[in-house]
Amino acid sequence: MNGVNNAIIVVAKIGGESMQARKKPIISLKLEWCKACGICYSLCPKGVLDKDEWGKVVVKYLDSCTQCGICEDHCPDYCIKIGG
C-alpha cells in the first residue's frame, strides 16, 4: 500500500461526442497508525472503505469516493488523508 493510484481517467461519451478527464480520488493511509477502531469505514456514506482481516482500514471502492472527508475528520489516529 505504499503507492497511491492518481492516474487520470479519460471518459468518452458513446459516439465520441465529447471527452472529459477526471482524476481519481486520492486516499492515503498510514496503516502503522491505525488501531482498527472502525470509525472510518462505519461512517463512510459510499462504502468506499472496509476492514482487512485485522480490522484495519482498506480502500475497497476508490471510484465511489466523493472526497467528503468524513473518514479523515473522524479518524482519531490521523491515519487517513483525502486529496493530494
C-alpha atoms as a PDB file:
ATOM      1  CA  MET A   1       0.000   0.000   0.000  1.00  0.00           C
ATOM      2  CA  ASN A   2       2.902   2.337  -0.486  1.00  0.00           C
ATOM      3  CA  GLY A   3       1.700   3.665  -3.843  1.00  0.00           C
ATOM      4  CA  VAL A   4      -1.430   5.644  -4.449  1.00  0.00           C
ATOM      5  CA  ASN A   5      -3.101   5.500  -7.838  1.00  0.00           C
ATOM      6  CA  ASN A   6      -3.769   9.038  -9.002  1.00  0.00           C
ATOM      7  CA  ALA A   7      -3.894   8.333 -12.734  1.00  0.00           C
ATOM      8  CA  ILE A   8      -6.108  10.385 -14.989  1.00  0.00           C
ATOM      9  CA  ILE A   9      -9.093   8.517 -16.387  1.00  0.00           C
ATOM     10  CA  VAL A  10     -10.418   9.592 -19.754  1.00  0.00           C
ATOM     11  CA  VAL A  11     -14.179   9.225 -20.121  1.00  0.00           C
ATOM     12  CA  ALA A  12     -15.721   9.406 -23.580  1.00  0.00           C
ATOM     13  CA  LYS A  13     -19.395   9.622 -24.469  1.00  0.00           C
ATOM     14  CA  ILE A  14     -20.700   6.983 -26.852  1.00  0.00           C
ATOM     15  CA  GLY A  15     -20.295   8.200 -30.412  1.00  0.00           C
ATOM     16  CA  GLY A  16     -17.333  10.382 -29.476  1.00  0.00           C
ATOM     17  CA  GLU A  17     -19.497  13.455 -28.864  1.00  0.00           C
ATOM     18  CA  SER A  18     -17.354  14.736 -26.022  1.00  0.00           C
ATOM     19  CA  MET A  19     -14.489  13.676 -23.820  1.00  0.00           C
ATOM     20  CA  GLN A  20     -13.677  14.693 -20.312  1.00  0.00           C
ATOM     21  CA  ALA A  21     -10.808  13.833 -17.978  1.00  0.00           C
ATOM     22  CA  ARG A  22     -11.141  13.456 -14.254  1.00  0.00           C
ATOM     23  CA  LYS A  23      -8.705  12.465 -11.565  1.00  0.00           C
ATOM     24  CA  LYS A  24      -9.359   9.529  -9.309  1.00  0.00           C
ATOM     25  CA  PRO A  25      -9.719  10.455  -5.662  1.00  0.00           C
ATOM     26  CA  ILE A  26      -6.549  10.090  -3.626  1.00  0.00           C
ATOM     27  CA  ILE A  27      -6.835   8.326  -0.288  1.00  0.00           C
ATOM     28  CA  SER A  28      -3.592   7.979   1.669  1.00  0.00           C
ATOM     29  CA  LEU A  29      -3.482   5.525   4.562  1.00  0.00           C
ATOM     30  CA  LYS A  30      -0.878   5.194   7.310  1.00  0.00           C
ATOM     31  CA  LEU A  31      -1.662   1.671   8.424  1.00  0.00           C
ATOM     32  CA  GLU A  32       1.043   1.699  11.093  1.00  0.00           C
ATOM     33  CA  TRP A  33      -1.018   4.382  12.889  1.00  0.00           C
ATOM     34  CA  CYS A  34      -4.371   2.598  12.508  1.00  0.00           C
ATOM     35  CA  LYS A  35      -5.719   0.977  15.690  1.00  0.00           C
ATOM     36  CA  ALA A  36      -8.615  -0.743  13.864  1.00  0.00           C
ATOM     37  CA  CYS A  37     -11.337   1.218  15.663  1.00  0.00           C
ATOM     38  CA  GLY A  38     -13.668   1.008  12.640  1.00  0.00           C
ATOM     39  CA  ILE A  39     -14.919   4.585  12.799  1.00  0.00           C
ATOM     40  CA  CYS A  40     -13.819   5.451   9.253  1.00  0.00           C
ATOM     41  CA  TYR A  41     -15.467   2.563   7.434  1.00  0.00           C
ATOM     42  CA  SER A  42     -18.547   2.744   9.630  1.00  0.00           C
ATOM     43  CA  LEU A  43     -19.111   6.407   8.736  1.00  0.00           C
ATOM     44  CA  CYS A  44     -18.241   6.279   5.013  1.00  0.00           C
ATOM     45  CA  PRO A  45     -21.520   7.102   3.223  1.00  0.00           C
ATOM     46  CA  LYS A  46     -20.448   5.408  -0.025  1.00  0.00           C
ATOM     47  CA  GLY A  47     -18.899   2.235   1.417  1.00  0.00           C
ATOM     48  CA  VAL A  48     -15.506   3.110  -0.047  1.00  0.00           C
ATOM     49  CA  LEU A  49     -13.622   1.860   2.996  1.00  0.00           C
ATOM     50  CA  ASP A  50     -13.625  -1.590   4.536  1.00  0.00           C
ATOM     51  CA  LYS A  51     -11.533  -3.559   7.004  1.00  0.00           C
ATOM     52  CA  ASP A  52      -8.877  -6.173   6.438  1.00  0.00           C
ATOM     53  CA  GLU A  53      -8.506  -9.403   8.419  1.00  0.00           C
ATOM     54  CA  TRP A  54      -7.011  -7.420  11.339  1.00  0.00           C
ATOM     55  CA  GLY A  55      -9.735  -4.770  11.290  1.00  0.00           C
ATOM     56  CA  LYS A  56      -7.504  -2.092   9.773  1.00  0.00           C
ATOM     57  CA  VAL A  57      -8.853   0.203   7.080  1.00  0.00           C
ATOM     58  CA  VAL A  58      -8.519  -0.671   3.387  1.00  0.00           C
ATOM     59  CA  VAL A  59      -9.822   1.121   0.305  1.00  0.00           C
ATOM     60  CA  LYS A  60     -12.384  -1.148  -1.334  1.00  0.00           C
ATOM     61  CA  TYR A  61     -14.166   1.049  -3.914  1.00  0.00           C
ATOM     62  CA  LEU A  62     -11.936   4.017  -4.781  1.00  0.00           C
ATOM     63  CA  ASP A  63     -14.104   5.114  -7.710  1.00  0.00           C
ATOM     64  CA  SER A  64     -17.066   5.614  -5.358  1.00  0.00           C
ATOM     65  CA  CYS A  65     -15.228   8.138  -3.176  1.00  0.00           C
ATOM     66  CA  THR A  66     -16.764  11.634  -3.211  1.00  0.00           C
ATOM     67  CA  GLN A  67     -13.917  13.067  -1.094  1.00  0.00           C
ATOM     68  CA  CYS A  68     -16.394  14.199   1.554  1.00  0.00           C
ATOM     69  CA  GLY A  69     -13.680  13.900   4.229  1.00  0.00           C
ATOM     70  CA  ILE A  70     -15.855  12.251   6.890  1.00  0.00           C
ATOM     71  CA  CYS A  71     -13.352   9.435   7.366  1.00  0.00           C
ATOM     72  CA  GLU A  72     -10.411  11.836   7.646  1.00  0.00           C
ATOM     73  CA  ASP A  73     -12.257  14.171  10.032  1.00  0.00           C
ATOM     74  CA  HIS A  74     -13.292  11.374  12.404  1.00  0.00           C
ATOM     75  CA  CYS A  75     -10.148   9.226  12.439  1.00  0.00           C
ATOM     76  CA  PRO A  76      -8.760   9.517  15.991  1.00  0.00           C
ATOM     77  CA  ASP A  77      -5.329   8.313  14.838  1.00  0.00           C
ATOM     78  CA  TYR A  78      -4.939  10.693  11.848  1.00  0.00           C
ATOM     79  CA  CYS A  79      -4.117   7.804   9.539  1.00  0.00           C
ATOM     80  CA  ILE A  80      -6.377   8.857   6.631  1.00  0.00           C
ATOM     81  CA  LYS A  81      -5.708  11.730   4.249  1.00  0.00           C
ATOM     82  CA  ILE A  82      -8.122  12.627   1.446  1.00  0.00           C
ATOM     83  CA  GLY A  83      -6.832  14.572  -1.544  1.00  0.00           C
ATOM     84  CA  GLY A  84      -3.364  15.471  -2.713  1.00  0.00           C
END
